[in-house]
């Protein structure tokens, strides 16, 4: 996922400060995810609660940025944009629900019984994130292919106002 993200950053960098910032946030989230996986030991034991909480906070920030800051500037109101919204938004909502469930289960106090469940849920979250990133990439690609960098900047300005 990190290699693919780097390729996308090289391709899309500079078109929009919002998109650049969001892709950087994605990169940080992936790094934290990989570190959390790397902290797993045998026999299974949970990483420090603070590391899990920090990751969950980063995850919630990333999800929120997508829904409340980025998606609206990525999909135009033209016919193809509206069709993309109808296709992609429900799928994004499903990945959001899955991530929220992970957060609800693990962002606060854990116990030893949660260790085995944590591994399974963390792996499932990785798959969910991969699906989500692919959907978000469709939105970014659509906007950059359909519209100029100037129209993206105008959409960002409208969103701020």
Protein backbone atom coordinates (compact mmCIF):
# COMPACT_ATOMS: atom_id res chain seq x y z
CA UNK A 1 0.00 0.00 0.00
CA UNK A 2 2.84 2.39 0.77
CA UNK A 3 4.50 1.78 -2.62
CA UNK A 4 1.25 2.43 -4.45
CA UNK A 5 0.68 5.57 -2.42
CA UNK A 6 4.14 6.86 -3.32
CA UNK A 7 3.39 6.33 -7.02
CA UNK A 8 0.11 8.21 -6.65
CA UNK A 9 1.76 11.05 -4.77
CA UNK A 10 4.29 11.40 -7.58
CA UNK A 11 1.49 11.41 -10.16
CA UNK A 12 -0.91 13.76 -8.36
CA UNK A 13 1.40 15.99 -6.33
CA UNK A 14 1.02 19.70 -6.85
CA UNK A 15 -2.51 19.74 -8.26
CA UNK A 16 -4.14 20.61 -4.96
CA UNK A 17 -2.80 21.47 -1.53
CA UNK A 18 -5.80 19.71 0.02
CA UNK A 19 -5.15 16.50 -1.90
CA UNK A 20 -1.42 16.69 -1.15
CA UNK A 21 -2.13 17.14 2.56
CA UNK A 22 -4.69 14.33 2.55
CA UNK A 23 -2.33 11.91 0.80
CA UNK A 24 0.35 12.79 3.33
CA UNK A 25 -2.14 12.02 6.13
CA UNK A 26 -2.82 8.68 4.41
CA UNK A 27 0.90 7.97 4.33
CA UNK A 28 1.22 8.72 8.06
CA UNK A 29 -1.76 6.47 8.80
CA UNK A 30 -0.20 3.63 6.82
CA UNK A 31 3.12 4.05 8.59
CA UNK A 32 1.38 3.88 11.97
CA UNK A 33 -0.59 0.85 10.82
CA UNK A 34 2.58 -0.93 9.73
CA UNK A 35 4.29 -0.07 13.00
CA UNK A 36 1.32 -1.42 14.94
CA UNK A 37 1.52 -4.67 13.00
CA UNK A 38 5.26 -4.77 13.56
CA UNK A 39 4.75 -4.48 17.31
CA UNK A 40 2.94 -7.79 17.39
CA UNK A 41 4.92 -10.47 19.14
CA UNK A 42 4.75 -14.17 19.70
CA UNK A 43 3.15 -15.26 21.92
CA UNK A 44 0.43 -12.75 21.14
CA UNK A 45 0.37 -9.70 23.35
CA UNK A 46 -1.16 -6.34 22.73
CA UNK A 47 0.90 -3.29 21.86
CA UNK A 48 0.89 -0.51 24.41
CA UNK A 49 -2.58 1.00 24.76
CA UNK A 50 -1.24 4.46 23.93
CA UNK A 51 0.07 3.26 20.56
CA UNK A 52 -3.33 1.76 19.72
CA UNK A 53 -5.12 4.90 20.89
CA UNK A 54 -2.81 7.14 18.85
CA UNK A 55 -3.42 5.02 15.75
CA UNK A 56 -7.19 5.10 16.31
CA UNK A 57 -7.10 8.90 16.70
CA UNK A 58 -5.14 9.20 13.46
CA UNK A 59 -7.63 6.87 11.75
CA UNK A 60 -10.60 8.96 12.90
CA UNK A 61 -8.90 12.17 11.75
CA UNK A 62 -8.24 10.65 8.33
CA UNK A 63 -11.82 9.41 7.94
CA UNK A 64 -13.22 12.76 9.02
CA UNK A 65 -11.03 14.70 6.61
CA UNK A 66 -12.29 12.60 3.74
CA UNK A 67 -15.95 12.97 4.57
CA UNK A 68 -15.95 16.60 5.66
CA UNK A 69 -13.13 18.25 3.72
CA UNK A 70 -12.03 16.32 0.65
CA UNK A 71 -14.80 14.30 -1.01
CA UNK A 72 -16.90 17.32 -1.94
CA UNK A 73 -14.06 18.93 -3.87
CA UNK A 74 -13.23 15.72 -5.71
CA UNK A 75 -16.58 14.98 -7.30
CA UNK A 76 -18.15 17.52 -9.58
CA UNK A 77 -21.82 17.92 -10.29
CA UNK A 78 -21.54 16.80 -13.90
CA UNK A 79 -23.16 13.56 -15.03
CA UNK A 80 -20.05 11.40 -14.63
CA UNK A 81 -19.33 12.92 -11.21
CA UNK A 82 -22.84 12.21 -9.99
CA UNK A 83 -22.67 8.64 -11.25
CA UNK A 84 -19.35 8.18 -9.48
CA UNK A 85 -20.84 9.55 -6.26
CA UNK A 86 -23.73 7.10 -6.42
CA UNK A 87 -21.32 4.23 -6.96
CA UNK A 88 -18.48 5.12 -4.60
CA UNK A 89 -20.03 6.95 -1.64
CA UNK A 90 -22.03 3.97 -0.31
CA UNK A 91 -18.91 1.82 -0.49
CA UNK A 92 -16.92 4.49 1.34
CA UNK A 93 -19.61 4.60 4.01
CA UNK A 94 -19.19 0.85 4.50
CA UNK A 95 -15.45 1.20 5.01
CA UNK A 96 -16.08 4.04 7.44
CA UNK A 97 -18.43 1.84 9.44
CA UNK A 98 -15.82 -0.93 9.62
CA UNK A 99 -13.12 1.51 10.77
CA UNK A 100 -15.46 2.98 13.39
CA UNK A 101 -16.13 -0.50 14.75
CA UNK A 102 -12.38 -1.09 15.07
CA UNK A 103 -11.99 2.23 16.84
CA UNK A 104 -14.87 1.51 19.21
CA UNK A 105 -13.42 -1.88 20.08
CA UNK A 106 -9.79 -0.93 20.61
CA UNK A 107 -9.28 2.82 21.15
CA UNK A 108 -9.79 2.56 24.90
CA UNK A 109 -8.89 0.08 27.62
CA UNK A 110 -8.07 -3.45 26.45
CA UNK A 111 -7.42 -6.68 28.26
CA UNK A 112 -5.48 -9.87 27.55
CA UNK A 113 -8.59 -11.57 26.16
CA UNK A 114 -8.65 -8.95 23.39
CA UNK A 115 -5.23 -9.98 22.06
CA UNK A 116 -6.30 -12.69 19.62
CA UNK A 117 -9.29 -10.66 18.48
CA UNK A 118 -7.05 -7.64 17.98
CA UNK A 119 -4.84 -9.45 15.46
CA UNK A 120 -7.82 -10.55 13.42
CA UNK A 121 -9.49 -7.14 13.52
CA UNK A 122 -6.26 -5.31 12.70
CA UNK A 123 -5.73 -7.52 9.64
CA UNK A 124 -9.34 -6.94 8.56
CA UNK A 125 -8.88 -3.20 9.03
CA UNK A 126 -5.87 -3.35 6.70
CA UNK A 127 -8.05 -4.89 4.00
CA UNK A 128 -10.74 -2.28 4.65
CA UNK A 129 -8.21 0.53 4.32
CA UNK A 130 -6.90 -0.92 1.08
CA UNK A 131 -10.45 -0.97 -0.31
CA UNK A 132 -11.10 2.55 0.92
CA UNK A 133 -7.92 3.93 -0.60
CA UNK A 134 -8.81 2.40 -3.96
CA UNK A 135 -12.21 4.11 -3.83
CA UNK A 136 -10.70 7.43 -2.82
CA UNK A 137 -8.19 7.10 -5.64
CA UNK A 138 -11.07 6.79 -8.08
CA UNK A 139 -12.44 10.10 -6.80
CA UNK A 140 -9.07 11.83 -7.06
CA UNK A 141 -8.41 10.40 -10.51
CA UNK A 142 -11.85 11.48 -11.72
CA UNK A 143 -11.32 15.04 -10.57
CA UNK A 144 -7.84 15.35 -12.02
CA UNK A 145 -8.84 13.78 -15.34
CA UNK A 146 -12.09 15.69 -15.72
CA UNK A 147 -11.10 19.07 -14.41
CA UNK A 148 -8.15 21.39 -14.42
CA UNK A 149 -6.08 22.24 -11.38
CA UNK A 150 -7.74 25.66 -11.47
CA UNK A 151 -11.23 24.18 -11.05
CA UNK A 152 -9.97 22.10 -8.13
CA UNK A 153 -8.63 25.24 -6.49
CA UNK A 154 -11.98 26.99 -7.09
CA UNK A 155 -13.85 24.08 -5.50
CA UNK A 156 -11.53 24.27 -2.50
CA UNK A 157 -12.19 28.01 -2.17
CA UNK A 158 -15.96 27.52 -2.35
CA UNK A 159 -15.71 24.83 0.31
CA UNK A 160 -13.77 27.21 2.61
CA UNK A 161 -16.26 30.05 2.13
